[in-house]
mmCIF file of all heavy atoms, coordinates in Angstrom:
data_MODEL
# 
_entry.id   MODEL 
# 
loop_
_atom_site.group_PDB 
_atom_site.id 
_atom_site.type_symbol 
_atom_site.label_atom_id 
_atom_site.label_alt_id 
_atom_site.label_comp_id 
_atom_site.label_asym_id 
_atom_site.label_entity_id 
_atom_site.label_seq_id 
_atom_site.pdbx_PDB_ins_code 
_atom_site.Cartn_x 
_atom_site.Cartn_y 
_atom_site.Cartn_z 
_atom_site.occupancy 
_atom_site.B_iso_or_equiv 
_atom_site.pdbx_formal_charge 
_atom_site.auth_seq_id 
_atom_site.auth_comp_id 
_atom_site.auth_asym_id 
_atom_site.auth_atom_id 
_atom_site.pdbx_PDB_model_num 
ATOM 1   N N   . VAL A 1 1  ? -13.345 -0.550  -7.798  1.00 0.00 ? 1  VAL A N   1 
ATOM 2   C CA  . VAL A 1 1  ? -12.357 0.523   -7.667  1.00 0.00 ? 1  VAL A CA  1 
ATOM 3   C C   . VAL A 1 1  ? -13.097 1.847   -7.510  1.00 0.00 ? 1  VAL A C   1 
ATOM 4   O O   . VAL A 1 1  ? -14.186 2.043   -8.069  1.00 0.00 ? 1  VAL A O   1 
ATOM 5   C CB  . VAL A 1 1  ? -11.424 0.554   -8.897  1.00 0.00 ? 1  VAL A CB  1 
ATOM 6   C CG1 . VAL A 1 1  ? -12.197 0.855   -10.178 1.00 0.00 ? 1  VAL A CG1 1 
ATOM 7   C CG2 . VAL A 1 1  ? -10.294 1.549   -8.709  1.00 0.00 ? 1  VAL A CG2 1 
ATOM 8   N N   . THR A 1 2  ? -12.504 2.749   -6.754  1.00 0.00 ? 2  THR A N   1 
ATOM 9   C CA  . THR A 1 2  ? -13.071 4.087   -6.594  1.00 0.00 ? 2  THR A CA  1 
ATOM 10  C C   . THR A 1 2  ? -12.825 4.887   -7.865  1.00 0.00 ? 2  THR A C   1 
ATOM 11  O O   . THR A 1 2  ? -11.685 4.951   -8.348  1.00 0.00 ? 2  THR A O   1 
ATOM 12  C CB  . THR A 1 2  ? -12.449 4.810   -5.389  1.00 0.00 ? 2  THR A CB  1 
ATOM 13  O OG1 . THR A 1 2  ? -12.727 4.073   -4.205  1.00 0.00 ? 2  THR A OG1 1 
ATOM 14  C CG2 . THR A 1 2  ? -13.018 6.215   -5.242  1.00 0.00 ? 2  THR A CG2 1 
ATOM 15  N N   . VAL A 1 3  ? -13.885 5.495   -8.386  1.00 0.00 ? 3  VAL A N   1 
ATOM 16  C CA  . VAL A 1 3  ? -13.789 6.309   -9.605  1.00 0.00 ? 3  VAL A CA  1 
ATOM 17  C C   . VAL A 1 3  ? -14.102 7.759   -9.230  1.00 0.00 ? 3  VAL A C   1 
ATOM 18  O O   . VAL A 1 3  ? -15.137 8.041   -8.630  1.00 0.00 ? 3  VAL A O   1 
ATOM 19  C CB  . VAL A 1 3  ? -14.785 5.826   -10.678 1.00 0.00 ? 3  VAL A CB  1 
ATOM 20  C CG1 . VAL A 1 3  ? -14.688 6.698   -11.931 1.00 0.00 ? 3  VAL A CG1 1 
ATOM 21  C CG2 . VAL A 1 3  ? -14.515 4.362   -11.023 1.00 0.00 ? 3  VAL A CG2 1 
ATOM 22  N N   . THR A 1 4  ? -13.174 8.665   -9.563  1.00 0.00 ? 4  THR A N   1 
ATOM 23  C CA  . THR A 1 4  ? -13.347 10.087  -9.266  1.00 0.00 ? 4  THR A CA  1 
ATOM 24  C C   . THR A 1 4  ? -13.491 10.860  -10.559 1.00 0.00 ? 4  THR A C   1 
ATOM 25  O O   . THR A 1 4  ? -12.638 10.768  -11.451 1.00 0.00 ? 4  THR A O   1 
ATOM 26  C CB  . THR A 1 4  ? -12.141 10.629  -8.474  1.00 0.00 ? 4  THR A CB  1 
ATOM 27  O OG1 . THR A 1 4  ? -11.963 9.855   -7.285  1.00 0.00 ? 4  THR A OG1 1 
ATOM 28  C CG2 . THR A 1 4  ? -12.364 12.088  -8.099  1.00 0.00 ? 4  THR A CG2 1 
ATOM 29  N N   . PHE A 1 5  ? -14.567 11.634  -10.657 1.00 0.00 ? 5  PHE A N   1 
ATOM 30  C CA  . PHE A 1 5  ? -14.824 12.431  -11.862 1.00 0.00 ? 5  PHE A CA  1 
ATOM 31  C C   . PHE A 1 5  ? -14.216 13.824  -11.725 1.00 0.00 ? 5  PHE A C   1 
ATOM 32  O O   . PHE A 1 5  ? -13.807 14.246  -10.629 1.00 0.00 ? 5  PHE A O   1 
ATOM 33  C CB  . PHE A 1 5  ? -16.326 12.509  -12.118 1.00 0.00 ? 5  PHE A CB  1 
ATOM 34  C CG  . PHE A 1 5  ? -16.938 11.190  -12.467 1.00 0.00 ? 5  PHE A CG  1 
ATOM 35  C CD1 . PHE A 1 5  ? -17.442 10.348  -11.474 1.00 0.00 ? 5  PHE A CD1 1 
ATOM 36  C CD2 . PHE A 1 5  ? -16.970 10.741  -13.778 1.00 0.00 ? 5  PHE A CD2 1 
ATOM 37  C CE1 . PHE A 1 5  ? -17.982 9.120   -11.788 1.00 0.00 ? 5  PHE A CE1 1 
ATOM 38  C CE2 . PHE A 1 5  ? -17.496 9.512   -14.109 1.00 0.00 ? 5  PHE A CE2 1 
ATOM 39  C CZ  . PHE A 1 5  ? -18.010 8.684   -13.114 1.00 0.00 ? 5  PHE A CZ  1 
ATOM 40  N N   . ALA A 1 6  ? -14.165 14.531  -12.843 1.00 0.00 ? 6  ALA A N   1 
ATOM 41  C CA  . ALA A 1 6  ? -13.524 15.841  -12.866 1.00 0.00 ? 6  ALA A CA  1 
ATOM 42  C C   . ALA A 1 6  ? -14.170 16.833  -11.917 1.00 0.00 ? 6  ALA A C   1 
ATOM 43  O O   . ALA A 1 6  ? -13.504 17.735  -11.401 1.00 0.00 ? 6  ALA A O   1 
ATOM 44  C CB  . ALA A 1 6  ? -13.538 16.398  -14.299 1.00 0.00 ? 6  ALA A CB  1 
ATOM 45  N N   . ASP A 1 7  ? -15.464 16.674  -11.661 1.00 0.00 ? 7  ASP A N   1 
ATOM 46  C CA  . ASP A 1 7  ? -16.158 17.604  -10.759 1.00 0.00 ? 7  ASP A CA  1 
ATOM 47  C C   . ASP A 1 7  ? -16.022 17.199  -9.291  1.00 0.00 ? 7  ASP A C   1 
ATOM 48  O O   . ASP A 1 7  ? -16.625 17.823  -8.409  1.00 0.00 ? 7  ASP A O   1 
ATOM 49  C CB  . ASP A 1 7  ? -17.633 17.712  -11.125 1.00 0.00 ? 7  ASP A CB  1 
ATOM 50  C CG  . ASP A 1 7  ? -18.375 16.373  -11.042 1.00 0.00 ? 7  ASP A CG  1 
ATOM 51  O OD1 . ASP A 1 7  ? -17.759 15.374  -10.604 1.00 0.00 ? 7  ASP A OD1 1 
ATOM 52  O OD2 . ASP A 1 7  ? -19.561 16.330  -11.401 1.00 0.00 ? 7  ASP A OD2 1 
ATOM 53  N N   . GLY A 1 8  ? -15.235 16.150  -9.018  1.00 0.00 ? 8  GLY A N   1 
ATOM 54  C CA  . GLY A 1 8  ? -15.005 15.711  -7.657  1.00 0.00 ? 8  GLY A CA  1 
ATOM 55  C C   . GLY A 1 8  ? -15.927 14.591  -7.189  1.00 0.00 ? 8  GLY A C   1 
ATOM 56  O O   . GLY A 1 8  ? -15.715 14.015  -6.118  1.00 0.00 ? 8  GLY A O   1 
ATOM 57  N N   . ARG A 1 9  ? -16.955 14.286  -7.967  1.00 0.00 ? 9  ARG A N   1 
ATOM 58  C CA  . ARG A 1 9  ? -17.863 13.210  -7.570  1.00 0.00 ? 9  ARG A CA  1 
ATOM 59  C C   . ARG A 1 9  ? -17.127 11.879  -7.546  1.00 0.00 ? 9  ARG A C   1 
ATOM 60  O O   . ARG A 1 9  ? -16.352 11.577  -8.447  1.00 0.00 ? 9  ARG A O   1 
ATOM 61  C CB  . ARG A 1 9  ? -19.050 13.126  -8.536  1.00 0.00 ? 9  ARG A CB  1 
ATOM 62  C CG  . ARG A 1 9  ? -20.036 11.990  -8.210  1.00 0.00 ? 9  ARG A CG  1 
ATOM 63  C CD  . ARG A 1 9  ? -21.274 12.060  -9.101  1.00 0.00 ? 9  ARG A CD  1 
ATOM 64  N NE  . ARG A 1 9  ? -20.994 11.700  -10.472 1.00 0.00 ? 9  ARG A NE  1 
ATOM 65  C CZ  . ARG A 1 9  ? -21.142 10.452  -10.956 1.00 0.00 ? 9  ARG A CZ  1 
ATOM 66  N NH1 . ARG A 1 9  ? -21.507 9.469   -10.152 1.00 0.00 ? 9  ARG A NH1 1 
ATOM 67  N NH2 . ARG A 1 9  ? -20.900 10.209  -12.236 1.00 0.00 ? 9  ARG A NH2 1 
ATOM 68  N N   . GLN A 1 10 ? -17.380 11.082  -6.526  1.00 0.00 ? 10 GLN A N   1 
ATOM 69  C CA  . GLN A 1 10 ? -16.774 9.766   -6.409  1.00 0.00 ? 10 GLN A CA  1 
ATOM 70  C C   . GLN A 1 10 ? -17.845 8.699   -6.361  1.00 0.00 ? 10 GLN A C   1 
ATOM 71  O O   . GLN A 1 10 ? -18.901 8.890   -5.762  1.00 0.00 ? 10 GLN A O   1 
ATOM 72  C CB  . GLN A 1 10 ? -15.897 9.657   -5.158  1.00 0.00 ? 10 GLN A CB  1 
ATOM 73  C CG  . GLN A 1 10 ? -14.603 10.443  -5.230  1.00 0.00 ? 10 GLN A CG  1 
ATOM 74  C CD  . GLN A 1 10 ? -13.667 10.117  -4.079  1.00 0.00 ? 10 GLN A CD  1 
ATOM 75  O OE1 . GLN A 1 10 ? -14.110 9.692   -3.013  1.00 0.00 ? 10 GLN A OE1 1 
ATOM 76  N NE2 . GLN A 1 10 ? -12.370 10.313  -4.291  1.00 0.00 ? 10 GLN A NE2 1 
ATOM 77  N N   . THR A 1 11 ? -17.570 7.582   -7.009  1.00 0.00 ? 11 THR A N   1 
ATOM 78  C CA  . THR A 1 11 ? -18.469 6.447   -6.967  1.00 0.00 ? 11 THR A CA  1 
ATOM 79  C C   . THR A 1 11 ? -17.630 5.183   -7.118  1.00 0.00 ? 11 THR A C   1 
ATOM 80  O O   . THR A 1 11 ? -16.418 5.237   -7.330  1.00 0.00 ? 11 THR A O   1 
ATOM 81  C CB  . THR A 1 11 ? -19.533 6.528   -8.083  1.00 0.00 ? 11 THR A CB  1 
ATOM 82  O OG1 . THR A 1 11 ? -20.494 5.485   -7.900  1.00 0.00 ? 11 THR A OG1 1 
ATOM 83  C CG2 . THR A 1 11 ? -18.903 6.400   -9.463  1.00 0.00 ? 11 THR A CG2 1 
ATOM 84  N N   . SER A 1 12 ? -18.275 4.042   -7.015  1.00 0.00 ? 12 SER A N   1 
ATOM 85  C CA  . SER A 1 12 ? -17.576 2.769   -7.133  1.00 0.00 ? 12 SER A CA  1 
ATOM 86  C C   . SER A 1 12 ? -17.804 2.184   -8.525  1.00 0.00 ? 12 SER A C   1 
ATOM 87  O O   . SER A 1 12 ? -18.929 2.179   -9.021  1.00 0.00 ? 12 SER A O   1 
ATOM 88  C CB  . SER A 1 12 ? -18.076 1.784   -6.067  1.00 0.00 ? 12 SER A CB  1 
ATOM 89  O OG  . SER A 1 12 ? -17.409 0.544   -6.175  1.00 0.00 ? 12 SER A OG  1 
ATOM 90  N N   . GLY A 1 13 ? -16.732 1.742   -9.150  1.00 0.00 ? 13 GLY A N   1 
ATOM 91  C CA  . GLY A 1 13 ? -16.818 1.083   -10.445 1.00 0.00 ? 13 GLY A CA  1 
ATOM 92  C C   . GLY A 1 13 ? -16.545 -0.400  -10.315 1.00 0.00 ? 13 GLY A C   1 
ATOM 93  O O   . GLY A 1 13 ? -15.712 -0.808  -9.486  1.00 0.00 ? 13 GLY A O   1 
ATOM 94  N N   . ARG A 1 14 ? -17.236 -1.198  -11.104 1.00 0.00 ? 14 ARG A N   1 
ATOM 95  C CA  . ARG A 1 14 ? -17.060 -2.653  -11.076 1.00 0.00 ? 14 ARG A CA  1 
ATOM 96  C C   . ARG A 1 14 ? -16.421 -3.108  -12.383 1.00 0.00 ? 14 ARG A C   1 
ATOM 97  O O   . ARG A 1 14 ? -16.774 -2.619  -13.454 1.00 0.00 ? 14 ARG A O   1 
ATOM 98  C CB  . ARG A 1 14 ? -18.415 -3.335  -10.900 1.00 0.00 ? 14 ARG A CB  1 
ATOM 99  C CG  . ARG A 1 14 ? -18.348 -4.854  -10.797 1.00 0.00 ? 14 ARG A CG  1 
ATOM 100 C CD  . ARG A 1 14 ? -19.734 -5.464  -10.741 1.00 0.00 ? 14 ARG A CD  1 
ATOM 101 N NE  . ARG A 1 14 ? -20.484 -5.195  -11.964 1.00 0.00 ? 14 ARG A NE  1 
ATOM 102 C CZ  . ARG A 1 14 ? -20.351 -5.922  -13.083 1.00 0.00 ? 14 ARG A CZ  1 
ATOM 103 N NH1 . ARG A 1 14 ? -19.510 -6.940  -13.125 1.00 0.00 ? 14 ARG A NH1 1 
ATOM 104 N NH2 . ARG A 1 14 ? -21.069 -5.626  -14.144 1.00 0.00 ? 14 ARG A NH2 1 
ATOM 105 N N   . VAL A 1 15 ? -15.493 -4.047  -12.289 1.00 0.00 ? 15 VAL A N   1 
ATOM 106 C CA  . VAL A 1 15 ? -14.825 -4.560  -13.485 1.00 0.00 ? 15 VAL A CA  1 
ATOM 107 C C   . VAL A 1 15 ? -15.804 -5.407  -14.288 1.00 0.00 ? 15 VAL A C   1 
ATOM 108 O O   . VAL A 1 15 ? -16.263 -6.457  -13.817 1.00 0.00 ? 15 VAL A O   1 
ATOM 109 C CB  . VAL A 1 15 ? -13.584 -5.394  -13.115 1.00 0.00 ? 15 VAL A CB  1 
ATOM 110 C CG1 . VAL A 1 15 ? -12.945 -5.975  -14.380 1.00 0.00 ? 15 VAL A CG1 1 
ATOM 111 C CG2 . VAL A 1 15 ? -12.574 -4.546  -12.356 1.00 0.00 ? 15 VAL A CG2 1 
ATOM 112 N N   . ALA A 1 16 ? -16.129 -4.953  -15.504 1.00 0.00 ? 16 ALA A N   1 
ATOM 113 C CA  . ALA A 1 16 ? -16.991 -5.732  -16.394 1.00 0.00 ? 16 ALA A CA  1 
ATOM 114 C C   . ALA A 1 16 ? -16.185 -6.789  -17.123 1.00 0.00 ? 16 ALA A C   1 
ATOM 115 O O   . ALA A 1 16 ? -16.657 -7.893  -17.380 1.00 0.00 ? 16 ALA A O   1 
ATOM 116 C CB  . ALA A 1 16 ? -17.682 -4.799  -17.393 1.00 0.00 ? 16 ALA A CB  1 
ATOM 117 N N   . GLY A 1 17 ? -14.961 -6.442  -17.481 1.00 0.00 ? 17 GLY A N   1 
ATOM 118 C CA  . GLY A 1 17 ? -14.087 -7.379  -18.179 1.00 0.00 ? 17 GLY A CA  1 
ATOM 119 C C   . GLY A 1 17 ? -12.676 -6.832  -18.233 1.00 0.00 ? 17 GLY A C   1 
ATOM 120 O O   . GLY A 1 17 ? -12.472 -5.620  -18.270 1.00 0.00 ? 17 GLY A O   1 
ATOM 121 N N   . SER A 1 18 ? -11.696 -7.726  -18.195 1.00 0.00 ? 18 SER A N   1 
ATOM 122 C CA  . SER A 1 18 ? -10.293 -7.313  -18.192 1.00 0.00 ? 18 SER A CA  1 
ATOM 123 C C   . SER A 1 18 ? -9.474  -8.257  -19.075 1.00 0.00 ? 18 SER A C   1 
ATOM 124 O O   . SER A 1 18 ? -9.689  -9.469  -19.061 1.00 0.00 ? 18 SER A O   1 
ATOM 125 C CB  . SER A 1 18 ? -9.739  -7.334  -16.763 1.00 0.00 ? 18 SER A CB  1 
ATOM 126 O OG  . SER A 1 18 ? -8.386  -6.941  -16.734 1.00 0.00 ? 18 SER A OG  1 
ATOM 127 N N   . ASP A 1 19 ? -8.571  -7.687  -19.847 1.00 0.00 ? 19 ASP A N   1 
ATOM 128 C CA  . ASP A 1 19 ? -7.669  -8.450  -20.701 1.00 0.00 ? 19 ASP A CA  1 
ATOM 129 C C   . ASP A 1 19 ? -6.237  -8.071  -20.319 1.00 0.00 ? 19 ASP A C   1 
ATOM 130 O O   . ASP A 1 19 ? -5.709  -7.061  -20.783 1.00 0.00 ? 19 ASP A O   1 
ATOM 131 C CB  . ASP A 1 19 ? -7.937  -8.135  -22.172 1.00 0.00 ? 19 ASP A CB  1 
ATOM 132 C CG  . ASP A 1 19 ? -7.112  -8.987  -23.118 1.00 0.00 ? 19 ASP A CG  1 
ATOM 133 O OD1 . ASP A 1 19 ? -6.134  -9.616  -22.664 1.00 0.00 ? 19 ASP A OD1 1 
ATOM 134 O OD2 . ASP A 1 19 ? -7.426  -9.028  -24.328 1.00 0.00 ? 19 ASP A OD2 1 
ATOM 135 N N   . GLY A 1 20 ? -5.643  -8.876  -19.433 1.00 0.00 ? 20 GLY A N   1 
ATOM 136 C CA  . GLY A 1 20 ? -4.296  -8.582  -18.968 1.00 0.00 ? 20 GLY A CA  1 
ATOM 137 C C   . GLY A 1 20 ? -3.239  -8.693  -20.027 1.00 0.00 ? 20 GLY A C   1 
ATOM 138 O O   . GLY A 1 20 ? -2.186  -8.059  -19.923 1.00 0.00 ? 20 GLY A O   1 
ATOM 139 N N   . ASP A 1 21 ? -3.489  -9.493  -21.062 1.00 0.00 ? 21 ASP A N   1 
ATOM 140 C CA  . ASP A 1 21 ? -2.492  -9.642  -22.119 1.00 0.00 ? 21 ASP A CA  1 
ATOM 141 C C   . ASP A 1 21 ? -2.427  -8.394  -22.999 1.00 0.00 ? 21 ASP A C   1 
ATOM 142 O O   . ASP A 1 21 ? -1.355  -8.007  -23.464 1.00 0.00 ? 21 ASP A O   1 
ATOM 143 C CB  . ASP A 1 21 ? -2.815  -10.867 -22.983 1.00 0.00 ? 21 ASP A CB  1 
ATOM 144 C CG  . ASP A 1 21 ? -2.608  -12.163 -22.222 1.00 0.00 ? 21 ASP A CG  1 
ATOM 145 O OD1 . ASP A 1 21 ? -1.665  -12.221 -21.417 1.00 0.00 ? 21 ASP A OD1 1 
ATOM 146 O OD2 . ASP A 1 21 ? -3.382  -13.112 -22.429 1.00 0.00 ? 21 ASP A OD2 1 
ATOM 147 N N   . LEU A 1 22 ? -3.554  -7.762  -23.241 1.00 0.00 ? 22 LEU A N   1 
ATOM 148 C CA  . LEU A 1 22 ? -3.584  -6.527  -24.020 1.00 0.00 ? 22 LEU A CA  1 
ATOM 149 C C   . LEU A 1 22 ? -3.497  -5.296  -23.129 1.00 0.00 ? 22 LEU A C   1 
ATOM 150 O O   . LEU A 1 22 ? -3.308  -4.186  -23.615 1.00 0.00 ? 22 LEU A O   1 
ATOM 151 C CB  . LEU A 1 22 ? -4.863  -6.473  -24.863 1.00 0.00 ? 22 LEU A CB  1 
ATOM 152 C CG  . LEU A 1 22 ? -4.990  -5.367  -25.907 1.00 0.00 ? 22 LEU A CG  1 
ATOM 153 C CD1 . LEU A 1 22 ? -3.809  -5.373  -26.871 1.00 0.00 ? 22 LEU A CD1 1 
ATOM 154 C CD2 . LEU A 1 22 ? -6.301  -5.490  -26.669 1.00 0.00 ? 22 LEU A CD2 1 
ATOM 155 N N   . ASP A 1 23 ? -3.615  -5.494  -21.825 1.00 0.00 ? 23 ASP A N   1 
ATOM 156 C CA  . ASP A 1 23 ? -3.559  -4.424  -20.823 1.00 0.00 ? 23 ASP A CA  1 
ATOM 157 C C   . ASP A 1 23 ? -4.701  -3.424  -20.959 1.00 0.00 ? 23 ASP A C   1 
ATOM 158 O O   . ASP A 1 23 ? -4.483  -2.210  -20.877 1.00 0.00 ? 23 ASP A O   1 
ATOM 159 C CB  . ASP A 1 23 ? -2.217  -3.694  -20.868 1.00 0.00 ? 23 ASP A CB  1 
ATOM 160 C CG  . ASP A 1 23 ? -1.934  -2.908  -19.583 1.00 0.00 ? 23 ASP A CG  1 
ATOM 161 O OD1 . ASP A 1 23 ? -2.628  -3.161  -18.583 1.00 0.00 ? 23 ASP A OD1 1 
ATOM 162 O OD2 . ASP A 1 23 ? -1.041  -2.049  -19.593 1.00 0.00 ? 23 ASP A OD2 1 
ATOM 163 N N   . ILE A 1 24 ? -5.911  -3.924  -21.153 1.00 0.00 ? 24 ILE A N   1 
ATOM 164 C CA  . ILE A 1 24 ? -7.083  -3.059  -21.144 1.00 0.00 ? 24 ILE A CA  1 
ATOM 165 C C   . ILE A 1 24 ? -8.149  -3.660  -20.240 1.00 0.00 ? 24 ILE A C   1 
ATOM 166 O O   . ILE A 1 24 ? -8.177  -4.872  -20.016 1.00 0.00 ? 24 ILE A O   1 
ATOM 167 C CB  . ILE A 1 24 ? -7.685  -2.827  -22.546 1.00 0.00 ? 24 ILE A CB  1 
ATOM 168 C CG1 . ILE A 1 24 ? -8.113  -4.150  -23.183 1.00 0.00 ? 24 ILE A CG1 1 
ATOM 169 C CG2 . ILE A 1 24 ? -6.722  -2.062  -23.428 1.00 0.00 ? 24 ILE A CG2 1 
ATOM 170 C CD1 . ILE A 1 24 ? -8.924  -3.974  -24.439 1.00 0.00 ? 24 ILE A CD1 1 
ATOM 171 N N   . ALA A 1 25 ? -9.008  -2.809  -19.707 1.00 0.00 ? 25 ALA A N   1 
ATOM 172 C CA  . ALA A 1 25 ? -10.105 -3.260  -18.860 1.00 0.00 ? 25 ALA A CA  1 
ATOM 173 C C   . ALA A 1 25 ? -11.265 -2.290  -19.023 1.00 0.00 ? 25 ALA A C   1 
ATOM 174 O O   . ALA A 1 25 ? -11.075 -1.110  -19.327 1.00 0.00 ? 25 ALA A O   1 
ATOM 175 C CB  . ALA A 1 25 ? -9.672  -3.341  -17.403 1.00 0.00 ? 25 ALA A CB  1 
ATOM 176 N N   . VAL A 1 26 ? -12.460 -2.806  -18.815 1.00 0.00 ? 26 VAL A N   1 
ATOM 177 C CA  . VAL A 1 26 ? -13.675 -2.006  -18.901 1.00 0.00 ? 26 VAL A CA  1 
ATOM 178 C C   . VAL A 1 26 ? -14.388 -2.034  -17.559 1.00 0.00 ? 26 VAL A C   1 
ATOM 179 O O   . VAL A 1 26 ? -14.541 -3.099  -16.953 1.00 0.00 ? 26 VAL A O   1 
ATOM 180 C CB  . VAL A 1 26 ? -14.612 -2.532  -20.016 1.00 0.00 ? 26 VAL A CB  1 
ATOM 181 C CG1 . VAL A 1 26 ? -15.920 -1.746  -20.040 1.00 0.00 ? 26 VAL A CG1 1 
ATOM 182 C CG2 . VAL A 1 26 ? -13.919 -2.453  -21.373 1.00 0.00 ? 26 VAL A CG2 1 
# 
């Protein structure tokens, strides 16, 4: 997913882990 920081910098983030039942992801 594209990650945009407050200063406008953009980079790509990769899903390390996701828990759809608790609705959180890292």
